Amino acid sequence: MRRRPSCCATPRPDARVLRSPRLSSFADRVIAWQRTHGRHTLPWQNTRDPYRVWLSEIMLQQTQV
């Protein structure tokens, strides 16, 4: 009998789980919390300049916000 590679041993998440009302409700609560309590003055949140967004990604890897 042929064995499957270990990379395939773990089942992938079922699409029904990803669309579940419970997960959706959790995501909605996290987004609502961020809108109320999150930091809204970070410079990269108000720009669509690709260079500034890329630079912020690099900086965030190096330091805590």
C-alpha atoms as a PDB file:
ATOM      1  CA  MET A   1       0.000   0.000   0.000  1.00  0.00           C
ATOM      2  CA  ARG A   2       1.343   3.391  -0.940  1.00  0.00           C
ATOM      3  CA  ARG A   3       1.546   6.080   1.754  1.00  0.00           C
ATOM      4  CA  ARG A   4       0.771   9.717   1.167  1.00  0.00           C
ATOM      5  CA  PRO A   5       3.564  12.236   1.745  1.00  0.00           C
ATOM      6  CA  SER A   6       3.540  13.858   5.176  1.00  0.00           C
ATOM      7  CA  CYS A   7       2.742  17.223   3.605  1.00  0.00           C
ATOM      8  CA  CYS A   8      -0.671  15.863   2.628  1.00  0.00           C
ATOM      9  CA  ALA A   9      -1.483  14.062   5.872  1.00  0.00           C
ATOM     10  CA  THR A  10      -3.202  17.051   7.452  1.00  0.00           C
ATOM     11  CA  PRO A  11      -6.641  17.666   5.999  1.00  0.00           C
ATOM     12  CA  ARG A  12      -7.266  21.071   4.498  1.00  0.00           C
ATOM     13  CA  PRO A  13      -9.956  23.233   6.107  1.00  0.00           C
ATOM     14  CA  ASP A  14     -13.401  22.559   4.791  1.00  0.00           C
ATOM     15  CA  ALA A  15     -14.840  25.516   2.876  1.00  0.00           C
ATOM     16  CA  ARG A  16     -17.950  25.305   5.054  1.00  0.00           C
ATOM     17  CA  VAL A  17     -15.833  26.096   8.111  1.00  0.00           C
ATOM     18  CA  LEU A  18     -14.366  29.160   6.424  1.00  0.00           C
ATOM     19  CA  ARG A  19     -17.870  30.463   5.698  1.00  0.00           C
ATOM     20  CA  SER A  20     -19.364  29.540   9.054  1.00  0.00           C
ATOM     21  CA  PRO A  21     -21.517  32.135  10.858  1.00  0.00           C
ATOM     22  CA  ARG A  22     -19.364  31.732  13.965  1.00  0.00           C
ATOM     23  CA  LEU A  23     -16.180  32.695  12.096  1.00  0.00           C
ATOM     24  CA  SER A  24     -17.960  35.561  10.353  1.00  0.00           C
ATOM     25  CA  SER A  25     -19.266  36.832  13.689  1.00  0.00           C
ATOM     26  CA  PHE A  26     -15.770  36.722  15.185  1.00  0.00           C
ATOM     27  CA  ALA A  27     -14.307  38.624  12.230  1.00  0.00           C
ATOM     28  CA  ASP A  28     -17.052  41.252  12.514  1.00  0.00           C
ATOM     29  CA  ARG A  29     -16.296  41.732  16.216  1.00  0.00           C
ATOM     30  CA  VAL A  30     -12.545  42.099  15.584  1.00  0.00           C
ATOM     31  CA  ILE A  31     -13.149  44.691  12.855  1.00  0.00           C
ATOM     32  CA  ALA A  32     -15.600  46.612  15.057  1.00  0.00           C
ATOM     33  CA  TRP A  33     -13.091  46.603  17.927  1.00  0.00           C
ATOM     34  CA  GLN A  34     -10.344  47.951  15.661  1.00  0.00           C
ATOM     35  CA  ARG A  35     -12.602  50.726  14.379  1.00  0.00           C
ATOM     36  CA  THR A  36     -13.381  51.790  17.944  1.00  0.00           C
ATOM     37  CA  HIS A  37     -10.090  51.188  19.761  1.00  0.00           C
ATOM     38  CA  GLY A  38      -7.467  50.797  17.051  1.00  0.00           C
ATOM     39  CA  ARG A  39      -4.794  53.290  16.130  1.00  0.00           C
ATOM     40  CA  HIS A  40      -5.961  55.436  13.241  1.00  0.00           C
ATOM     41  CA  THR A  41      -3.040  57.851  13.013  1.00  0.00           C
ATOM     42  CA  LEU A  42      -0.419  55.547  11.577  1.00  0.00           C
ATOM     43  CA  PRO A  43       1.011  57.177   8.429  1.00  0.00           C
ATOM     44  CA  TRP A  44       0.576  54.212   6.089  1.00  0.00           C
ATOM     45  CA  GLN A  45      -3.132  53.916   6.851  1.00  0.00           C
ATOM     46  CA  ASN A  46      -3.937  57.062   4.885  1.00  0.00           C
ATOM     47  CA  THR A  47      -1.899  56.554   1.733  1.00  0.00           C
ATOM     48  CA  ARG A  48      -2.111  54.486  -1.394  1.00  0.00           C
ATOM     49  CA  ASP A  49       1.470  55.267  -2.409  1.00  0.00           C
ATOM     50  CA  PRO A  50       3.003  51.810  -3.022  1.00  0.00           C
ATOM     51  CA  TYR A  51       6.453  52.937  -1.868  1.00  0.00           C
ATOM     52  CA  ARG A  52       5.155  54.160   1.503  1.00  0.00           C
ATOM     53  CA  VAL A  53       3.124  50.997   2.031  1.00  0.00           C
ATOM     54  CA  TRP A  54       6.131  48.812   1.149  1.00  0.00           C
ATOM     55  CA  LEU A  55       8.391  50.854   3.425  1.00  0.00           C
ATOM     56  CA  SER A  56       5.947  50.466   6.310  1.00  0.00           C
ATOM     57  CA  GLU A  57       5.946  46.684   5.797  1.00  0.00           C
ATOM     58  CA  ILE A  58       9.745  46.640   6.058  1.00  0.00           C
ATOM     59  CA  MET A  59       9.743  48.849   9.155  1.00  0.00           C
ATOM     60  CA  LEU A  60       7.037  46.789  10.866  1.00  0.00           C
ATOM     61  CA  GLN A  61       9.177  43.693  10.494  1.00  0.00           C
ATOM     62  CA  GLN A  62      11.961  45.426  12.412  1.00  0.00           C
ATOM     63  CA  THR A  63      10.054  47.070  15.254  1.00  0.00           C
ATOM     64  CA  GLN A  64       6.846  46.952  17.264  1.00  0.00           C
ATOM     65  CA  VAL A  65       4.153  49.518  16.601  1.00  0.00           C
END
